[in-house]
Amino acid sequence: MGKAVPKNLKSRASILIKEFPDKFTIDFDKNKQFLNSLQLPFTNEVRNLIAGYITRKVKQKHAS
């Protein structure tokens, strides 16, 4: 089981998904690299949590 993602990180991830809907894929590493390229002030742990959450959301979208 993974870590629980806090609400504030979920809301940030939702904003990023809305702003860049075509940039995120089902690949965690690509999402992480894209977040790095945005130059946002995230720590490595926060960036990984957001990238993982975005990856799950994109996979859910593709499944439905």
PDB file of N, CA and C in Angstrom:
ATOM      1  N   MET A   1       0.842  -1.177   0.000  1.00  0.00           N
ATOM      2  CA  MET A   1       0.000   0.000   0.000  1.00  0.00           C
ATOM      3  C   MET A   1       0.887   1.239   0.000  1.00  0.00           C
ATOM      4  N   GLY A   2       0.427   2.235  -0.696  1.00  0.00           N
ATOM      5  CA  GLY A   2       1.184   3.469  -0.785  1.00  0.00           C
ATOM      6  C   GLY A   2       0.771   4.466   0.271  1.00  0.00           C
ATOM      7  N   LYS A   3       1.373   5.621   0.201  1.00  0.00           N
ATOM      8  CA  LYS A   3       1.036   6.698   1.124  1.00  0.00           C
ATOM      9  C   LYS A   3      -0.279   7.343   0.729  1.00  0.00           C
ATOM     10  N   ALA A   4      -0.959   7.871   1.715  1.00  0.00           N
ATOM     11  CA  ALA A   4      -2.159   8.659   1.441  1.00  0.00           C
ATOM     12  C   ALA A   4      -1.729  10.036   0.939  1.00  0.00           C
ATOM     13  N   VAL A   5      -2.431  10.548  -0.035  1.00  0.00           N
ATOM     14  CA  VAL A   5      -2.096  11.855  -0.606  1.00  0.00           C
ATOM     15  C   VAL A   5      -2.963  12.916   0.073  1.00  0.00           C
ATOM     16  N   PRO A   6      -2.346  13.925   0.692  1.00  0.00           N
ATOM     17  CA  PRO A   6      -3.108  14.986   1.363  1.00  0.00           C
ATOM     18  C   PRO A   6      -3.967  15.793   0.396  1.00  0.00           C
ATOM     19  N   LYS A   7      -5.013  16.390   0.941  1.00  0.00           N
ATOM     20  CA  LYS A   7      -5.963  17.161   0.121  1.00  0.00           C
ATOM     21  C   LYS A   7      -5.300  18.304  -0.628  1.00  0.00           C
ATOM     22  N   ASN A   8      -4.362  18.989   0.029  1.00  0.00           N
ATOM     23  CA  ASN A   8      -3.742  20.133  -0.640  1.00  0.00           C
ATOM     24  C   ASN A   8      -2.932  19.699  -1.865  1.00  0.00           C
ATOM     25  N   LEU A   9      -2.342  18.508  -1.829  1.00  0.00           N
ATOM     26  CA  LEU A   9      -1.610  18.019  -2.994  1.00  0.00           C
ATOM     27  C   LEU A   9      -2.569  17.539  -4.080  1.00  0.00           C
ATOM     28  N   LYS A  10      -3.708  16.984  -3.665  1.00  0.00           N
ATOM     29  CA  LYS A  10      -4.711  16.569  -4.652  1.00  0.00           C
ATOM     30  C   LYS A  10      -5.261  17.775  -5.400  1.00  0.00           C
ATOM     31  N   SER A  11      -5.470  18.870  -4.676  1.00  0.00           N
ATOM     32  CA  SER A  11      -6.003  20.063  -5.338  1.00  0.00           C
ATOM     33  C   SER A  11      -4.967  20.656  -6.292  1.00  0.00           C
ATOM     34  N   ARG A  12      -3.703  20.650  -5.903  1.00  0.00           N
ATOM     35  CA  ARG A  12      -2.652  21.132  -6.805  1.00  0.00           C
ATOM     36  C   ARG A  12      -2.573  20.268  -8.053  1.00  0.00           C
ATOM     37  N   ALA A  13      -2.686  18.958  -7.858  1.00  0.00           N
ATOM     38  CA  ALA A  13      -2.637  18.032  -8.991  1.00  0.00           C
ATOM     39  C   ALA A  13      -3.824  18.263  -9.917  1.00  0.00           C
ATOM     40  N   SER A  14      -5.000  18.507  -9.356  1.00  0.00           N
ATOM     41  CA  SER A  14      -6.184  18.756 -10.176  1.00  0.00           C
ATOM     42  C   SER A  14      -6.014  20.011 -11.018  1.00  0.00           C
ATOM     43  N   ILE A  15      -5.433  21.040 -10.430  1.00  0.00           N
ATOM     44  CA  ILE A  15      -5.173  22.285 -11.163  1.00  0.00           C
ATOM     45  C   ILE A  15      -4.203  22.017 -12.314  1.00  0.00           C
ATOM     46  N   LEU A  16      -3.148  21.248 -12.045  1.00  0.00           N
ATOM     47  CA  LEU A  16      -2.173  20.942 -13.090  1.00  0.00           C
ATOM     48  C   LEU A  16      -2.790  20.114 -14.212  1.00  0.00           C
ATOM     49  N   ILE A  17      -3.677  19.176 -13.860  1.00  0.00           N
ATOM     50  CA  ILE A  17      -4.337  18.360 -14.876  1.00  0.00           C
ATOM     51  C   ILE A  17      -5.218  19.232 -15.761  1.00  0.00           C
ATOM     52  N   LYS A  18      -5.901  20.203 -15.151  1.00  0.00           N
ATOM     53  CA  LYS A  18      -6.762  21.096 -15.934  1.00  0.00           C
ATOM     54  C   LYS A  18      -5.944  22.020 -16.837  1.00  0.00           C
ATOM     55  N   GLU A  19      -4.792  22.495 -16.347  1.00  0.00           N
ATOM     56  CA  GLU A  19      -3.971  23.414 -17.134  1.00  0.00           C
ATOM     57  C   GLU A  19      -3.217  22.722 -18.264  1.00  0.00           C
ATOM     58  N   PHE A  20      -2.788  21.475 -18.023  1.00  0.00           N
ATOM     59  CA  PHE A  20      -1.988  20.734 -19.008  1.00  0.00           C
ATOM     60  C   PHE A  20      -2.603  19.356 -19.254  1.00  0.00           C
ATOM     61  N   PRO A  21      -3.812  19.290 -19.818  1.00  0.00           N
ATOM     62  CA  PRO A  21      -4.486  17.993 -19.949  1.00  0.00           C
ATOM     63  C   PRO A  21      -3.787  17.028 -20.910  1.00  0.00           C
ATOM     64  N   ASP A  22      -3.085  17.549 -21.912  1.00  0.00           N
ATOM     65  CA  ASP A  22      -2.453  16.672 -22.893  1.00  0.00           C
ATOM     66  C   ASP A  22      -0.997  16.336 -22.554  1.00  0.00           C
ATOM     67  N   LYS A  23      -0.460  16.890 -21.499  1.00  0.00           N
ATOM     68  CA  LYS A  23       0.948  16.672 -21.156  1.00  0.00           C
ATOM     69  C   LYS A  23       1.164  15.466 -20.247  1.00  0.00           C
ATOM     70  N   PHE A  24       0.134  15.036 -19.526  1.00  0.00           N
ATOM     71  CA  PHE A  24       0.290  13.937 -18.576  1.00  0.00           C
ATOM     72  C   PHE A  24      -0.131  12.621 -19.208  1.00  0.00           C
ATOM     73  N   THR A  25       0.628  11.563 -18.907  1.00  0.00           N
ATOM     74  CA  THR A  25       0.373  10.236 -19.465  1.00  0.00           C
ATOM     75  C   THR A  25       0.208   9.234 -18.326  1.00  0.00           C
ATOM     76  N   ILE A  26       0.116   7.952 -18.688  1.00  0.00           N
ATOM     77  CA  ILE A  26       0.006   6.907 -17.669  1.00  0.00           C
ATOM     78  C   ILE A  26       1.389   6.452 -17.194  1.00  0.00           C
ATOM     79  N   ASP A  27       2.447   7.126 -17.638  1.00  0.00           N
ATOM     80  CA  ASP A  27       3.813   6.801 -17.245  1.00  0.00           C
ATOM     81  C   ASP A  27       4.264   7.748 -16.127  1.00  0.00           C
ATOM     82  N   PHE A  28       4.530   7.180 -14.957  1.00  0.00           N
ATOM     83  CA  PHE A  28       4.918   7.961 -13.781  1.00  0.00           C
ATOM     84  C   PHE A  28       6.187   8.768 -14.043  1.00  0.00           C
ATOM     85  N   ASP A  29       7.191   8.149 -14.648  1.00  0.00           N
ATOM     86  CA  ASP A  29       8.467   8.840 -14.857  1.00  0.00           C
ATOM     87  C   ASP A  29       8.332  10.041 -15.791  1.00  0.00           C
ATOM     88  N   LYS A  30       7.515   9.912 -16.827  1.00  0.00           N
ATOM     89  CA  LYS A  30       7.298  11.040 -17.736  1.00  0.00           C
ATOM     90  C   LYS A  30       6.570  12.179 -17.030  1.00  0.00           C
ATOM     91  N   ASN A  31       5.605  11.825 -16.189  1.00  0.00           N
ATOM     92  CA  ASN A  31       4.885  12.848 -15.425  1.00  0.00           C
ATOM     93  C   ASN A  31       5.828  13.561 -14.459  1.00  0.00           C
ATOM     94  N   LYS A  32       6.707  12.795 -13.838  1.00  0.00           N
ATOM     95  CA  LYS A  32       7.672  13.370 -12.904  1.00  0.00           C
ATOM     96  C   LYS A  32       8.624  14.317 -13.635  1.00  0.00           C
ATOM     97  N   GLN A  33       9.085  13.914 -14.814  1.00  0.00           N
ATOM     98  CA  GLN A  33       9.978  14.767 -15.606  1.00  0.00           C
ATOM     99  C   GLN A  33       9.275  16.054 -16.029  1.00  0.00           C
ATOM    100  N   PHE A  34       7.998  15.932 -16.409  1.00  0.00           N
ATOM    101  CA  PHE A  34       7.254  17.125 -16.809  1.00  0.00           C
ATOM    102  C   PHE A  34       7.099  18.081 -15.625  1.00  0.00           C
ATOM    103  N   LEU A  35       6.808  17.555 -14.438  1.00  0.00           N
ATOM    104  CA  LEU A  35       6.703  18.415 -13.256  1.00  0.00           C
ATOM    105  C   LEU A  35       8.030  19.101 -12.970  1.00  0.00           C
ATOM    106  N   ASN A  36       9.144  18.397 -13.180  1.00  0.00           N
ATOM    107  CA  ASN A  36      10.464  19.022 -13.014  1.00  0.00           C
ATOM    108  C   ASN A  36      10.660  20.162 -14.001  1.00  0.00           C
ATOM    109  N   SER A  37      10.188  19.985 -15.226  1.00  0.00           N
ATOM    110  CA  SER A  37      10.392  21.002 -16.255  1.00  0.00           C
ATOM    111  C   SER A  37       9.583  22.275 -15.982  1.00  0.00           C
ATOM    112  N   LEU A  38       8.539  22.166 -15.160  1.00  0.00           N
ATOM    113  CA  LEU A  38       7.735  23.344 -14.831  1.00  0.00           C
ATOM    114  C   LEU A  38       8.424  24.274 -13.833  1.00  0.00           C
ATOM    115  N   GLN A  39       9.494  23.786 -13.200  1.00  0.00           N
ATOM    116  CA  GLN A  39      10.262  24.581 -12.240  1.00  0.00           C
ATOM    117  C   GLN A  39       9.405  25.066 -11.061  1.00  0.00           C
ATOM    118  N   LEU A  40       8.519  24.220 -10.587  1.00  0.00           N
ATOM    119  CA  LEU A  40       7.697  24.553  -9.428  1.00  0.00           C
ATOM    120  C   LEU A  40       8.478  24.238  -8.155  1.00  0.00           C
ATOM    121  N   PRO A  41       8.241  24.967  -7.086  1.00  0.00           N
ATOM    122  CA  PRO A  41       9.029  24.772  -5.859  1.00  0.00           C
ATOM    123  C   PRO A  41       8.555  23.566  -5.035  1.00  0.00           C
ATOM    124  N   PHE A  42       8.622  22.368  -5.620  1.00  0.00           N
ATOM    125  CA  PHE A  42       8.226  21.148  -4.918  1.00  0.00           C
ATOM    126  C   PHE A  42       9.466  20.409  -4.432  1.00  0.00           C
ATOM    127  N   THR A  43       9.363  19.803  -3.257  1.00  0.00           N
ATOM    128  CA  THR A  43      10.424  18.901  -2.827  1.00  0.00           C
ATOM    129  C   THR A  43      10.288  17.613  -3.626  1.00  0.00           C
ATOM    130  N   ASN A  44      11.297  16.760  -3.563  1.00  0.00           N
ATOM    131  CA  ASN A  44      11.245  15.502  -4.309  1.00  0.00           C
ATOM    132  C   ASN A  44      10.072  14.644  -3.862  1.00  0.00           C
ATOM    133  N   GLU A  45       9.811  14.595  -2.558  1.00  0.00           N
ATOM    134  CA  GLU A  45       8.719  13.783  -2.041  1.00  0.00           C
ATOM    135  C   GLU A  45       7.361  14.297  -2.530  1.00  0.00           C
ATOM    136  N   VAL A  46       7.170  15.609  -2.473  1.00  0.00           N
ATOM    137  CA  VAL A  46       5.905  16.205  -2.913  1.00  0.00           C
ATOM    138  C   VAL A  46       5.727  16.012  -4.416  1.00  0.00           C
ATOM    139  N   ARG A  47       6.798  16.211  -5.166  1.00  0.00           N
ATOM    140  CA  ARG A  47       6.724  16.018  -6.623  1.00  0.00           C
ATOM    141  C   ARG A  47       6.329  14.581  -6.959  1.00  0.00           C
ATOM    142  N   ASN A  48       6.916  13.620  -6.253  1.00  0.00           N
ATOM    143  CA  ASN A  48       6.599  12.218  -6.511  1.00  0.00           C
ATOM    144  C   ASN A  48       5.158  11.888  -6.131  1.00  0.00           C
ATOM    145  N   LEU A  49       4.674  12.440  -5.030  1.00  0.00           N
ATOM    146  CA  LEU A  49       3.285  12.208  -4.628  1.00  0.00           C
ATOM    147  C   LEU A  49       2.321  12.777  -5.662  1.00  0.00           C
ATOM    148  N   ILE A  50       2.600  13.982  -6.138  1.00  0.00           N
ATOM    149  CA  ILE A  50       1.729  14.610  -7.135  1.00  0.00           C
ATOM    150  C   ILE A  50       1.794  13.833  -8.449  1.00  0.00           C
ATOM    151  N   ALA A  51       2.988  13.437  -8.873  1.00  0.00           N
ATOM    152  CA  ALA A  51       3.129  12.679 -10.121  1.00  0.00           C
ATOM    153  C   ALA A  51       2.395  11.341 -10.027  1.00  0.00           C
ATOM    154  N   GLY A  52       2.485  10.683  -8.888  1.00  0.00           N
ATOM    155  CA  GLY A  52       1.788   9.416  -8.704  1.00  0.00           C
ATOM    156  C   GLY A  52       0.283   9.586  -8.713  1.00  0.00           C
ATOM    157  N   TYR A  53      -0.196  10.636  -8.068  1.00  0.00           N
ATOM    158  CA  TYR A  53      -1.633  10.899  -8.033  1.00  0.00           C
ATOM    159  C   TYR A  53      -2.151  11.224  -9.434  1.00  0.00           C
ATOM    160  N   ILE A  54      -1.402  12.036 -10.168  1.00  0.00           N
ATOM    161  CA  ILE A  54      -1.792  12.380 -11.538  1.00  0.00           C
ATOM    162  C   ILE A  54      -1.803  11.124 -12.409  1.00  0.00           C
ATOM    163  N   THR A  55      -0.820  10.257 -12.242  1.00  0.00           N
ATOM    164  CA  THR A  55      -0.759   9.018 -13.007  1.00  0.00           C
ATOM    165  C   THR A  55      -1.995   8.161 -12.749  1.00  0.00           C
ATOM    166  N   ARG A  56      -2.392   8.053 -11.483  1.00  0.00           N
ATOM    167  CA  ARG A  56      -3.600   7.277 -11.147  1.00  0.00           C
ATOM    168  C   ARG A  56      -4.844   7.887 -11.775  1.00  0.00           C
ATOM    169  N   LYS A  57      -4.958   9.210 -11.729  1.00  0.00           N
ATOM    170  CA  LYS A  57      -6.125   9.879 -12.296  1.00  0.00           C
ATOM    171  C   LYS A  57      -6.199   9.687 -13.811  1.00  0.00           C
ATOM    172  N   VAL A  58      -5.051   9.776 -14.493  1.00  0.00           N
ATOM    173  CA  VAL A  58      -5.028   9.593 -15.943  1.00  0.00           C
ATOM    174  C   VAL A  58      -5.397   8.145 -16.299  1.00  0.00           C
ATOM    175  N   LYS A  59      -4.909   7.186 -15.517  1.00  0.00           N
ATOM    176  CA  LYS A  59      -5.251   5.789 -15.758  1.00  0.00           C
ATOM    177  C   LYS A  59      -6.752   5.561 -15.566  1.00  0.00           C
ATOM    178  N   GLN A  60      -7.327   6.198 -14.549  1.00  0.00           N
ATOM    179  CA  GLN A  60      -8.770   6.074 -14.311  1.00  0.00           C
ATOM    180  C   GLN A  60      -9.562   6.651 -15.481  1.00  0.00           C
ATOM    181  N   LYS A  61      -9.088   7.772 -16.036  1.00  0.00           N
ATOM    182  CA  LYS A  61      -9.754   8.393 -17.174  1.00  0.00           C
ATOM    183  C   LYS A  61      -9.726   7.484 -18.395  1.00  0.00           C
ATOM    184  N   HIS A  62      -8.563   6.838 -18.630  1.00  0.00           N
ATOM    185  CA  HIS A  62      -8.425   5.958 -19.792  1.00  0.00           C
ATOM    186  C   HIS A  62      -9.247   4.683 -19.623  1.00  0.00           C
ATOM    187  N   ALA A  63      -9.451   4.243 -18.397  1.00  0.00           N
ATOM    188  CA  ALA A  63     -10.190   3.007 -18.147  1.00  0.00           C
ATOM    189  C   ALA A  63     -11.694   3.195 -18.396  1.00  0.00           C
ATOM    190  N   SER A  64     -12.180   4.403 -18.173  1.00  0.00           N
ATOM    191  CA  SER A  64     -13.624   4.617 -18.342  1.00  0.00           C
ATOM    192  C   SER A  64     -14.006   5.093 -19.722  1.00  0.00           C
TER     193      SER A  64
END
